Protein backbone atom coordinates (compact mmCIF):
# COMPACT_ATOMS: atom_id res chain seq x y z
CA MET A 1 74.67 128.80 110.24
CA SER A 2 75.24 125.88 112.64
CA PRO A 3 73.10 122.71 112.36
CA PRO A 4 70.37 122.21 114.97
CA VAL A 5 71.24 120.12 118.02
CA LEU A 6 69.52 116.74 117.90
CA ASP A 7 67.42 115.79 120.90
CA SER A 8 67.18 112.00 121.17
CA ALA A 9 64.22 110.32 122.86
CA LEU A 10 66.56 107.63 124.22
CA PRO A 11 68.08 108.00 127.69
CA VAL A 12 71.88 107.80 127.69
CA ARG A 13 71.77 104.47 129.53
CA VAL A 14 69.51 102.95 126.86
CA HIS A 15 71.71 104.39 124.13
CA HIS A 16 74.85 102.67 125.42
CA LEU A 17 74.09 99.51 127.42
CA PRO A 18 72.16 97.49 124.78
CA ALA A 19 74.77 98.45 122.16
CA ALA A 20 77.64 97.36 124.41
CA GLY A 21 75.87 94.08 125.19
CA LEU A 22 75.13 93.28 121.55
CA ALA A 23 78.67 94.19 120.50
CA GLY A 24 79.98 91.64 122.98
CA LEU A 25 77.41 89.07 121.83
CA ALA A 26 78.28 89.62 118.15
CA VAL A 27 81.99 89.15 118.82
CA ALA A 28 81.26 86.02 120.88
CA LEU A 29 79.26 84.65 117.94
CA LEU A 30 82.02 85.45 115.45
CA VAL A 31 84.61 83.83 117.71
CA GLY A 32 82.61 80.88 119.03
CA LEU A 33 80.96 79.43 115.93
CA PRO A 34 84.23 79.02 113.97
CA GLU A 35 85.72 77.21 116.96
CA VAL A 36 82.84 74.71 116.88
CA LEU A 37 82.01 74.46 113.16
CA GLY A 38 85.13 75.76 111.42
CA ASP A 39 84.65 77.69 108.18
CA VAL A 40 80.94 76.83 108.11
CA GLY A 41 80.54 78.41 111.54
CA ARG A 42 82.39 81.53 110.43
CA LEU A 43 80.10 81.83 107.40
CA ALA A 44 77.00 81.33 109.55
CA ALA A 45 78.11 83.93 112.10
CA VAL A 46 78.88 86.54 109.45
CA LEU A 47 75.59 85.88 107.66
CA VAL A 48 73.59 86.23 110.88
CA LEU A 49 75.26 89.58 111.56
CA GLN A 50 74.67 90.74 107.98
CA LEU A 51 70.97 89.85 108.00
CA GLY A 52 70.52 91.46 111.40
CA LEU A 53 72.13 94.64 110.10
CA VAL A 54 69.90 94.63 107.01
CA LEU A 55 66.73 94.53 109.09
CA ALA A 56 67.94 96.99 111.71
CA TRP A 57 69.29 99.45 109.14
CA VAL A 58 66.09 99.49 107.08
CA VAL A 59 64.00 100.05 110.21
CA THR A 60 66.30 102.67 111.72
CA THR A 61 66.93 104.77 108.64
CA GLY A 62 63.40 104.45 107.27
CA ILE A 63 64.44 103.43 103.75
CA GLN A 64 61.36 103.62 101.56
CA GLY A 65 60.20 100.37 100.01
CA PHE A 66 60.52 98.32 103.18
CA THR A 67 59.99 94.81 101.79
CA GLY A 68 62.03 95.44 98.65
CA SER A 69 64.93 96.87 100.64
CA LEU A 70 64.94 93.82 102.91
CA ALA A 71 64.96 91.49 99.92
CA VAL A 72 67.74 93.32 98.08
CA GLY A 73 69.86 93.63 101.23
CA SER A 74 69.46 89.96 102.14
CA ALA A 75 70.32 88.86 98.61
CA ALA A 76 73.41 91.07 98.69
CA ALA A 77 74.56 89.47 101.95
CA VAL A 78 74.28 85.96 100.53
CA ALA A 79 75.96 86.97 97.24
CA ALA A 80 78.85 88.74 99.00
CA ASP A 81 79.55 85.73 101.21
CA LEU A 82 79.40 83.26 98.34
CA ALA A 83 81.73 85.44 96.26
CA LEU A 84 84.39 85.08 98.96
CA VAL A 85 83.72 81.49 100.02
CA LEU A 86 83.21 79.60 96.76
CA PRO A 87 86.52 80.46 95.05
CA GLY A 88 89.44 78.35 96.19
CA ARG A 89 91.35 81.49 97.20
CA GLY A 90 88.82 84.18 97.93
CA ALA A 91 89.86 87.82 97.63
CA MET A 92 88.16 91.17 98.13
CA GLY A 93 88.14 91.65 94.36
CA GLY A 94 85.39 89.05 94.24
CA LEU A 95 83.04 91.64 95.73
CA LEU A 96 83.32 93.99 92.75
CA ALA A 97 80.66 92.16 90.76
CA VAL A 98 78.41 92.02 93.83
CA PHE A 99 78.76 95.77 94.40
CA GLY A 100 78.10 96.53 90.74
CA LEU A 101 74.97 94.42 90.48
CA GLY A 102 73.89 95.46 93.95
CA PHE A 103 74.04 99.16 93.14
CA LEU A 104 71.94 98.52 90.05
CA ALA A 105 69.44 96.52 92.13
CA VAL A 106 69.14 99.33 94.69
CA VAL A 107 68.53 101.92 91.99
CA LEU A 108 65.92 99.80 90.22
CA GLN A 109 64.18 98.90 93.46
CA GLN A 110 63.89 102.56 94.43
CA MET A 111 62.92 103.76 90.96
CA PHE A 112 60.10 101.25 90.50
CA ARG A 113 58.39 101.80 93.84
CA ARG A 114 55.36 104.08 94.10
CA PRO A 115 55.25 106.80 95.30
CA ARG A 116 58.93 107.74 94.93
CA HIS A 117 59.26 110.21 97.81
CA ASP A 118 62.56 110.43 99.73
CA LEU A 119 64.29 108.88 96.72
CA VAL A 120 67.76 110.38 97.24
CA ALA A 121 67.83 109.61 100.97
CA SER A 122 66.69 106.03 100.40
CA LEU A 123 69.27 105.50 97.65
CA SER A 124 72.03 106.83 99.89
CA ALA A 125 70.99 104.62 102.78
CA GLY A 126 70.76 101.60 100.47
CA VAL A 127 74.25 102.13 99.05
CA LEU A 128 75.75 102.55 102.51
CA LEU A 129 74.04 99.33 103.59
CA PHE A 130 75.64 97.52 100.66
CA CYS A 131 79.07 98.79 101.68
CA ALA A 132 78.54 97.60 105.27
CA ILE A 133 77.38 94.16 104.10
CA GLY A 134 80.45 93.76 101.90
CA ALA A 135 82.71 94.94 104.73
CA LEU A 136 81.24 92.31 107.05
CA ALA A 137 81.93 89.67 104.40
CA ALA A 138 85.62 90.63 104.62
CA LEU A 139 85.69 88.95 108.03
CA LEU A 140 85.50 85.63 106.15
CA LEU A 141 89.01 86.29 104.82
CA VAL A 142 90.64 87.33 108.09
CA GLY A 143 90.87 83.73 109.29
CA ARG A 144 92.46 82.64 106.00
CA ALA A 145 95.34 85.14 106.18
CA PRO A 146 98.73 84.41 107.79
CA GLY A 147 98.17 83.71 111.47
CA GLY A 148 94.91 81.88 110.67
CA THR A 149 92.32 81.53 113.38
CA GLY A 150 94.62 83.07 115.97
CA ARG A 151 94.77 86.33 114.01
CA ALA A 152 91.00 86.37 113.54
CA LEU A 153 90.50 85.77 117.28
CA VAL A 154 92.78 88.66 118.25
CA VAL A 155 91.18 91.02 115.71
CA LEU A 156 87.65 90.29 116.86
CA LEU A 157 88.49 90.52 120.55
CA ALA A 158 90.27 93.84 119.97
CA VAL A 159 87.28 95.28 118.13
CA GLY A 160 84.85 93.98 120.75
CA ALA A 161 86.92 95.37 123.61
CA ALA A 162 87.17 98.76 121.89
CA LEU A 163 83.40 98.96 121.35
CA VAL A 164 82.39 97.82 124.83
CA ALA A 165 84.97 100.03 126.56
CA GLY A 166 83.96 103.05 124.50
CA HIS A 167 80.27 102.64 125.32
CA LEU A 168 80.92 102.18 129.04
CA VAL A 169 83.15 105.24 129.27
CA ASP A 170 80.68 107.37 127.29
CA LEU A 171 77.89 106.17 129.56
CA VAL A 172 79.68 107.85 132.47
CA LEU A 173 81.74 110.61 130.82
CA PRO A 174 80.74 111.56 127.25
CA ARG A 175 83.16 114.49 127.26
CA PRO A 176 84.47 116.41 125.39
CA GLN A 177 81.43 115.83 123.22
CA LEU A 178 82.28 114.92 119.63
CA ALA A 179 78.93 115.91 118.09
CA PRO A 180 76.13 118.10 119.47
CA GLY A 181 73.34 115.99 120.96
CA VAL A 182 75.25 112.70 120.54
CA PRO A 183 76.37 111.11 123.84
CA ARG A 184 79.88 110.24 122.62
CA GLY A 185 83.04 111.92 123.85
CA LEU A 186 86.74 112.10 123.16
CA ALA A 187 87.48 110.17 126.36
CA GLY A 188 85.51 107.16 125.11
CA LEU A 189 87.27 107.29 121.75
CA GLY A 190 90.66 107.37 123.46
CA VAL A 191 89.75 104.40 125.64
CA SER A 192 88.63 102.48 122.54
CA VAL A 193 92.07 102.99 121.00
CA LEU A 194 93.80 101.89 124.20
CA ALA A 195 91.57 98.82 124.58
CA GLY A 196 92.21 97.69 121.02
CA ALA A 197 95.98 98.15 121.42
CA ALA A 198 96.02 96.30 124.74
CA VAL A 199 94.20 93.26 123.34
CA THR A 200 96.44 92.91 120.28
CA PHE A 201 99.56 93.38 122.40
CA LEU A 202 98.49 90.68 124.87
CA GLY A 203 97.50 88.35 122.03
CA ARG A 204 100.52 89.01 119.84
CA GLY A 205 101.70 85.41 120.19
CA LEU A 206 98.53 83.98 118.61
CA GLY A 207 99.21 85.31 115.13
CA GLU A 208 101.14 87.84 113.08
CA PRO A 209 102.27 90.51 113.76
CA ALA A 210 104.20 89.02 116.69
CA GLY A 211 106.32 92.10 117.49
CA GLY A 212 105.19 94.36 120.32
CA PRO A 213 105.24 97.72 118.44
CA ALA A 214 103.51 96.23 115.40
CA ALA A 215 100.87 94.60 117.59
CA LEU A 216 100.23 97.88 119.44
CA ALA A 217 99.88 99.79 116.17
CA TYR A 218 97.58 97.11 114.75
CA GLY A 219 95.25 97.23 117.75
CA ALA A 220 95.33 101.02 118.02
CA VAL A 221 94.20 101.42 114.41
CA LEU A 222 91.43 98.85 114.86
CA GLY A 223 90.32 100.59 118.06
CA LEU A 224 90.35 103.98 116.35
CA VAL A 225 88.29 102.73 113.40
CA ALA A 226 85.84 100.96 115.69
CA GLY A 227 85.52 104.03 117.91
CA LEU A 228 84.99 106.47 115.06
CA MET A 229 82.42 104.24 113.39
CA ALA A 230 80.67 103.79 116.73
CA VAL A 231 80.34 107.57 116.94
CA ALA A 232 78.86 107.64 113.44
CA ALA A 233 76.42 104.86 114.36
CA SER A 234 75.40 106.77 117.48
CA TYR A 235 74.70 109.81 115.34
CA VAL A 236 72.43 107.70 113.11
CA VAL A 237 70.59 106.41 116.19
CA VAL A 238 70.17 109.90 117.66
CA ALA A 239 68.87 111.20 114.32
CA ALA A 240 66.38 108.31 114.12
CA THR A 241 65.07 108.96 117.64
CA SER A 242 65.06 112.75 117.64
CA ASP A 243 61.92 114.86 117.71
CA GLY A 244 62.21 115.53 113.98
CA ALA A 245 62.49 111.88 112.94
CA ASP A 246 60.09 110.66 110.29
CA GLU A 247 57.03 109.16 111.96
CA GLY A 248 55.99 107.35 108.80
CA ARG A 249 58.66 104.69 108.94
CA VAL A 250 57.61 101.09 109.24
CA GLY A 251 59.17 98.18 111.07
CA SER A 252 59.94 97.34 114.69
CA ARG A 253 58.89 100.61 116.28
CA SER A 254 57.60 101.14 119.76
CA ARG A 255 54.28 102.78 120.47
CA ASP A 256 55.70 106.30 120.48
CA GLY A 257 57.17 105.86 116.99
CA VAL A 258 60.77 105.31 118.12
CA PRO A 259 62.56 102.14 116.95
CA SER A 260 63.19 99.50 119.57
CA PRO A 261 66.44 100.10 121.50
CA TRP A 262 67.54 96.58 120.56
CA VAL A 263 67.05 97.30 116.86
CA LEU A 264 69.10 100.47 117.24
CA ALA A 265 71.73 98.52 119.16
CA VAL A 266 72.20 96.15 116.22
CA VAL A 267 73.19 99.12 114.06
CA GLN A 268 75.54 100.39 116.77
CA ALA A 269 77.22 97.00 117.09
CA ALA A 270 77.32 95.78 113.49
CA LEU A 271 78.47 98.94 111.69
CA PRO A 272 81.76 99.35 113.64
CA ILE A 273 82.53 95.63 113.32
CA ALA A 274 81.89 95.88 109.58
CA ALA A 275 84.24 98.84 109.19
CA CYS A 276 87.05 96.92 110.89
CA GLY A 277 86.91 93.94 108.48
CA PRO A 278 88.61 95.53 105.44
CA VAL A 279 90.90 97.54 107.73
CA ALA A 280 92.14 94.35 109.40
CA LEU A 281 92.89 92.80 106.01
CA ALA A 282 94.73 95.93 104.85
CA LEU A 283 96.82 96.06 108.02
CA GLN A 284 97.78 92.41 107.60
CA ALA A 285 99.38 93.30 104.28
CA VAL A 286 101.36 96.14 105.83
CA LEU A 287 102.39 94.98 109.31
């Protein structure tokens, strides 16, 4: 038995253009603030993106316990950033305690709310939010790795180019469709990979890896991860705006019960960027 095809209330243009614009804005923030304020600017940019994702994710997915979910998510963002910034040599292992305590906080927050309907769905959405918040915090370490700010600049520009290019191609040609009812196609995913590879190849002199083949592979993997996660984010958005979406959700919803396109665009921009943070760190250790 095949799953039903989702029918989103968003036009294709509204699905793609705000997301492409916010992806570019997020990358500009992550690139620009460190140039002006150094490490403090990088921390501020990451925290802004994390808090925006917390709000947008809670509104879009309809996690039950709206206020509690916002509080727990915001606290997790601050804790994850501090765990990587305060130590003299921050490492991803510093997030283990944050994830452990965060998971416990999500469970307790969901178990103590009344009534406890949609418990499993809300727990799942809360755990995924924690993972995305921690992944965004990994961007704080990209600038500290070999290659320094130049490596971070190339990584962020590659991810931004992959996201924007993928959305623009799927706006015109979302074929062959990757998921029923979701306006994302294989052509857009392929362009995302090419865009990421092109940026890292052109910027290979700004940081390691400096070799052409290594730079191409680095960008291609980042573009692939960004493109695949963008497809997943689009699926979340389509599910949230389909005819069967829960009308009882609270938050920034328009009059017809559909979340604001700009709220949905935050999810579409922040989730792929988050997924690329740990991947960029892993690739740095290999290439």
